[in-house]
């Protein structure tokens, strides 16, 4: 299921991406994640104004809308194709890394613990 894609251009993925059922929130909306890795993620169903090169901040990640963990991840839009965004992470803190790891490893207990905080 992991995909490794291009390594010659600045905006080509250099990380493995997994297809995981998960959600991301930013700008007051929640979107479905198409694929995810430690270098970035794909977002589906986006109808907003962000275009290639735009920077923004992700404020939540989770396996579903009811279990979103508050994070702060600086991102840039690497590509936009219709209503899908290809997003690259600029910087990850330790909590954001842990949440990404839990999503990719499908560790439900992590999100149960975070919910009880």
Protein backbone atom coordinates (compact mmCIF):
# COMPACT_ATOMS: atom_id res chain seq x y z
CA UNK A 1 0.00 0.00 0.00
CA UNK A 2 2.94 2.38 0.45
CA UNK A 3 3.89 4.46 -2.57
CA UNK A 4 7.24 6.08 -3.21
CA UNK A 5 7.02 8.76 -5.86
CA UNK A 6 9.65 10.87 -7.70
CA UNK A 7 12.77 12.35 -6.18
CA UNK A 8 14.13 14.73 -8.81
CA UNK A 9 12.03 17.88 -8.41
CA UNK A 10 11.41 20.04 -5.37
CA UNK A 11 7.71 19.18 -5.12
CA UNK A 12 7.96 15.46 -5.85
CA UNK A 13 7.29 13.24 -2.86
CA UNK A 14 10.30 11.70 -1.17
CA UNK A 15 8.32 9.99 1.59
CA UNK A 16 6.15 6.89 1.67
CA UNK A 17 2.42 7.65 1.61
CA UNK A 18 -0.20 5.33 3.05
CA UNK A 19 -3.86 5.28 2.19
CA UNK A 20 -5.48 5.70 5.62
CA UNK A 21 -9.02 6.61 6.59
CA UNK A 22 -8.42 9.82 8.57
CA UNK A 23 -9.43 13.47 8.86
CA UNK A 24 -7.60 16.79 8.94
CA UNK A 25 -8.89 20.16 10.09
CA UNK A 26 -7.82 23.67 9.15
CA UNK A 27 -9.53 27.01 8.60
CA UNK A 28 -12.55 25.84 10.60
CA UNK A 29 -13.35 22.86 8.33
CA UNK A 30 -12.71 19.11 8.44
CA UNK A 31 -11.58 17.24 5.32
CA UNK A 32 -10.92 13.62 4.42
CA UNK A 33 -7.29 12.53 4.06
CA UNK A 34 -6.53 10.67 0.82
CA UNK A 35 -3.01 9.54 1.76
CA UNK A 36 -0.55 10.39 4.51
CA UNK A 37 3.17 10.25 5.30
CA UNK A 38 5.72 12.04 7.50
CA UNK A 39 6.45 14.49 4.69
CA UNK A 40 2.88 15.49 3.88
CA UNK A 41 -0.60 14.35 3.01
CA UNK A 42 -3.27 14.40 0.35
CA UNK A 43 -6.59 16.08 1.10
CA UNK A 44 -9.82 15.28 -0.75
CA UNK A 45 -13.02 17.28 -1.07
CA UNK A 46 -11.38 20.69 -0.70
CA UNK A 47 -13.39 23.59 -2.15
CA UNK A 48 -11.47 26.55 -0.69
CA UNK A 49 -9.10 29.20 -2.03
CA UNK A 50 -5.67 27.63 -1.34
CA UNK A 51 -3.49 27.25 -4.42
CA UNK A 52 -0.02 25.85 -5.15
CA UNK A 53 2.60 27.62 -3.02
CA UNK A 54 0.12 28.80 -0.35
CA UNK A 55 1.14 28.30 3.27
CA UNK A 56 -1.38 27.43 5.98
CA UNK A 57 -1.61 25.70 9.36
CA UNK A 58 -3.27 22.37 10.09
CA UNK A 59 -4.93 22.56 13.51
CA UNK A 60 -6.16 18.98 13.94
CA UNK A 61 -5.65 15.36 12.84
CA UNK A 62 -7.56 12.22 13.74
CA UNK A 63 -9.00 8.92 12.56
CA UNK A 64 -12.47 10.51 12.26
CA UNK A 65 -14.28 13.79 12.98
CA UNK A 66 -15.06 12.75 16.57
CA UNK A 67 -11.44 11.99 17.52
CA UNK A 68 -9.44 14.91 16.15
CA UNK A 69 -6.35 15.82 18.20
CA UNK A 70 -5.33 19.48 18.29
CA UNK A 71 -1.95 19.97 16.57
CA UNK A 72 -0.12 22.85 14.89
CA UNK A 73 1.57 21.88 11.62
CA UNK A 74 2.92 24.52 9.23
CA UNK A 75 2.23 23.37 5.66
CA UNK A 76 2.56 24.40 2.05
CA UNK A 77 0.38 23.37 -0.88
CA UNK A 78 2.61 21.44 -3.29
CA UNK A 79 -0.12 20.84 -5.87
CA UNK A 80 -3.83 21.25 -6.42
CA UNK A 81 -5.80 19.08 -8.79
CA UNK A 82 -9.49 19.97 -8.77
CA UNK A 83 -10.74 19.43 -5.24
CA UNK A 84 -7.61 17.57 -4.07
CA UNK A 85 -4.61 19.17 -2.39
CA UNK A 86 -1.10 17.76 -2.15
CA UNK A 87 0.32 19.20 1.06
CA UNK A 88 3.91 19.21 2.32
CA UNK A 89 4.81 19.70 5.98
CA UNK A 90 7.21 22.54 6.72
CA UNK A 91 7.77 21.65 10.36
CA UNK A 92 6.52 18.94 12.76
CA UNK A 93 6.64 19.12 16.55
CA UNK A 94 6.76 15.94 18.68
CA UNK A 95 2.99 15.75 19.28
CA UNK A 96 2.26 16.14 15.56
CA UNK A 97 4.77 13.40 14.78
CA UNK A 98 3.15 11.09 17.37
CA UNK A 99 -0.33 11.74 15.91
CA UNK A 100 0.89 11.04 12.36
CA UNK A 101 2.61 7.86 13.54
CA UNK A 102 -0.58 6.69 15.31
CA UNK A 103 -2.66 7.36 12.18
CA UNK A 104 -0.27 5.51 9.90
CA UNK A 105 0.08 2.56 12.28
CA UNK A 106 -3.70 2.57 12.91
CA UNK A 107 -3.23 2.74 16.71
CA UNK A 108 -6.73 3.45 18.06
CA UNK A 109 -5.59 3.37 21.71
CA UNK A 110 -3.48 6.49 21.16
CA UNK A 111 -6.59 8.47 20.24
CA UNK A 112 -8.58 6.97 23.12
CA UNK A 113 -5.87 8.19 25.53
CA UNK A 114 -5.79 11.64 23.92
CA UNK A 115 -9.58 11.90 24.18
CA UNK A 116 -9.45 11.19 27.93
CA UNK A 117 -6.94 13.98 28.59
